Amino acid sequence: MDYITLGRNVRRFRAQADLTQEKLAEMVGCTDRHIGKIENGQNVPSLEVTVSIANALNVGVDQLLYSDLVNRTDYFIQELVSCTDGFNDKDKLTAISMVKSLVSILKEFKKN
């Protein structure tokens, strides 16, 4: 497991949630020093702490471990499904069409 990447992901999602290390530590039930060491890849969090961090940041554990996912396709599918949760079938088809258009634009952009 890549603990450096885990730490970077914790830091990234913590910043996106606009939380300090102190606030995240309080939510998780550990010290801010422990969070800091996790973010720097110096401490290996227990499974319990990792799950608590994910819950506090409102992300999945898989998102924290992203670089270590064996089947990233499943991850992307889960993300797309969660993004369209609550959509009716027509809106889901519209979202699929939009994603396809964005992919086409991205491919064209990368060619240039």
Protein backbone atom coordinates (compact mmCIF):
# COMPACT_ATOMS: atom_id res chain seq x y z
CA MET A 1 0.00 0.00 0.00
CA ASP A 2 1.20 3.47 -0.85
CA TYR A 3 0.90 5.47 2.39
CA ILE A 4 2.28 8.61 0.74
CA THR A 5 -0.66 8.63 -1.67
CA LEU A 6 -3.08 7.85 1.15
CA GLY A 7 -1.74 10.86 3.03
CA ARG A 8 -1.93 13.11 -0.02
CA ASN A 9 -5.52 12.06 -0.60
CA VAL A 10 -6.42 12.73 3.04
CA ARG A 11 -4.84 16.18 2.75
CA ARG A 12 -6.60 16.92 -0.55
CA PHE A 13 -10.05 15.88 0.67
CA ARG A 14 -9.52 17.67 4.00
CA ALA A 15 -8.67 20.88 2.15
CA GLN A 16 -11.70 20.45 -0.13
CA ALA A 17 -13.86 20.06 2.98
CA ASP A 18 -12.25 23.25 4.36
CA LEU A 19 -11.14 21.46 7.52
CA THR A 20 -8.01 22.00 9.56
CA GLN A 21 -5.98 19.05 10.77
CA GLU A 22 -7.21 19.93 14.25
CA LYS A 23 -10.88 19.79 13.24
CA LEU A 24 -10.43 16.53 11.33
CA ALA A 25 -8.60 15.02 14.30
CA GLU A 26 -11.44 16.05 16.59
CA MET A 27 -13.98 14.44 14.24
CA VAL A 28 -11.92 11.25 13.99
CA GLY A 29 -10.98 11.02 17.65
CA CYS A 30 -7.22 11.32 17.37
CA THR A 31 -4.62 14.07 17.60
CA ASP A 32 -3.83 16.64 14.96
CA ARG A 33 -0.24 15.42 15.11
CA HIS A 34 -1.43 11.93 14.11
CA ILE A 35 -3.39 13.41 11.17
CA GLY A 36 -0.32 15.40 10.14
CA LYS A 37 1.84 12.29 10.17
CA ILE A 38 -0.77 10.36 8.18
CA GLU A 39 -0.85 13.16 5.61
CA ASN A 40 2.95 13.05 5.37
CA GLY A 41 3.01 9.25 5.03
CA GLN A 42 4.90 8.89 8.32
CA ASN A 43 2.11 7.08 10.22
CA VAL A 44 0.11 4.12 9.04
CA PRO A 45 -3.50 4.59 10.13
CA SER A 46 -5.46 1.62 11.40
CA LEU A 47 -8.43 0.47 9.37
CA GLU A 48 -10.70 2.02 12.00
CA VAL A 49 -8.99 5.42 11.71
CA THR A 50 -8.99 5.24 7.91
CA VAL A 51 -12.74 4.56 7.88
CA SER A 52 -13.31 7.36 10.41
CA ILE A 53 -11.31 9.77 8.25
CA ALA A 54 -13.29 8.76 5.16
CA ASN A 55 -16.57 9.26 7.03
CA ALA A 56 -15.48 12.63 8.40
CA LEU A 57 -14.46 13.77 4.91
CA ASN A 58 -17.62 12.30 3.37
CA VAL A 59 -15.65 10.19 0.89
CA GLY A 60 -15.24 6.48 0.36
CA VAL A 61 -12.23 4.60 1.66
CA ASP A 62 -11.56 3.70 -1.97
CA GLN A 63 -11.10 7.38 -2.74
CA LEU A 64 -8.44 7.64 -0.04
CA LEU A 65 -6.67 4.57 -1.42
CA TYR A 66 -7.22 5.50 -5.06
CA SER A 67 -3.75 4.77 -6.41
CA ASP A 68 -3.91 1.28 -4.93
CA LEU A 69 -7.18 0.28 -6.56
CA VAL A 70 -6.74 -2.79 -8.71
CA ASN A 71 -9.91 -2.28 -10.72
CA ARG A 72 -10.16 1.44 -11.34
CA THR A 73 -12.93 0.94 -13.90
CA ASP A 74 -15.28 -0.14 -11.12
CA TYR A 75 -14.30 2.98 -9.19
CA PHE A 76 -15.14 5.23 -12.13
CA ILE A 77 -18.45 3.48 -12.68
CA GLN A 78 -19.35 3.87 -9.00
CA GLU A 79 -18.49 7.57 -9.16
CA LEU A 80 -20.63 8.11 -12.24
CA VAL A 81 -23.53 6.22 -10.68
CA SER A 82 -23.28 8.26 -7.48
CA CYS A 83 -23.16 11.51 -9.47
CA THR A 84 -26.43 10.65 -11.17
CA ASP A 85 -28.17 9.28 -8.10
CA GLY A 86 -31.74 10.53 -8.10
CA PHE A 87 -31.77 11.26 -11.84
CA ASN A 88 -34.62 9.85 -13.90
CA ASP A 89 -33.73 7.74 -16.96
CA LYS A 90 -33.93 10.67 -19.35
CA ASP A 91 -31.53 12.76 -17.23
CA LYS A 92 -29.15 9.80 -16.93
CA LEU A 93 -29.08 9.46 -20.72
CA THR A 94 -28.41 13.19 -21.00
CA ALA A 95 -25.55 12.86 -18.50
CA ILE A 96 -24.06 9.96 -20.50
CA SER A 97 -24.26 12.03 -23.67
CA MET A 98 -22.55 14.94 -21.92
CA VAL A 99 -19.76 12.72 -20.60
CA LYS A 100 -19.20 11.30 -24.08
CA SER A 101 -19.00 14.81 -25.50
CA LEU A 102 -16.51 15.86 -22.82
CA VAL A 103 -14.38 12.78 -23.49
CA SER A 104 -14.38 13.59 -27.20
CA ILE A 105 -13.30 17.17 -26.50
CA LEU A 106 -10.58 15.98 -24.11
CA LYS A 107 -9.24 13.51 -26.68
CA GLU A 108 -9.16 16.25 -29.32
CA PHE A 109 -7.46 18.64 -26.89
CA LYS A 110 -4.77 16.05 -26.08
CA LYS A 111 -3.98 15.59 -29.77
CA ASN A 112 -3.01 19.24 -30.09
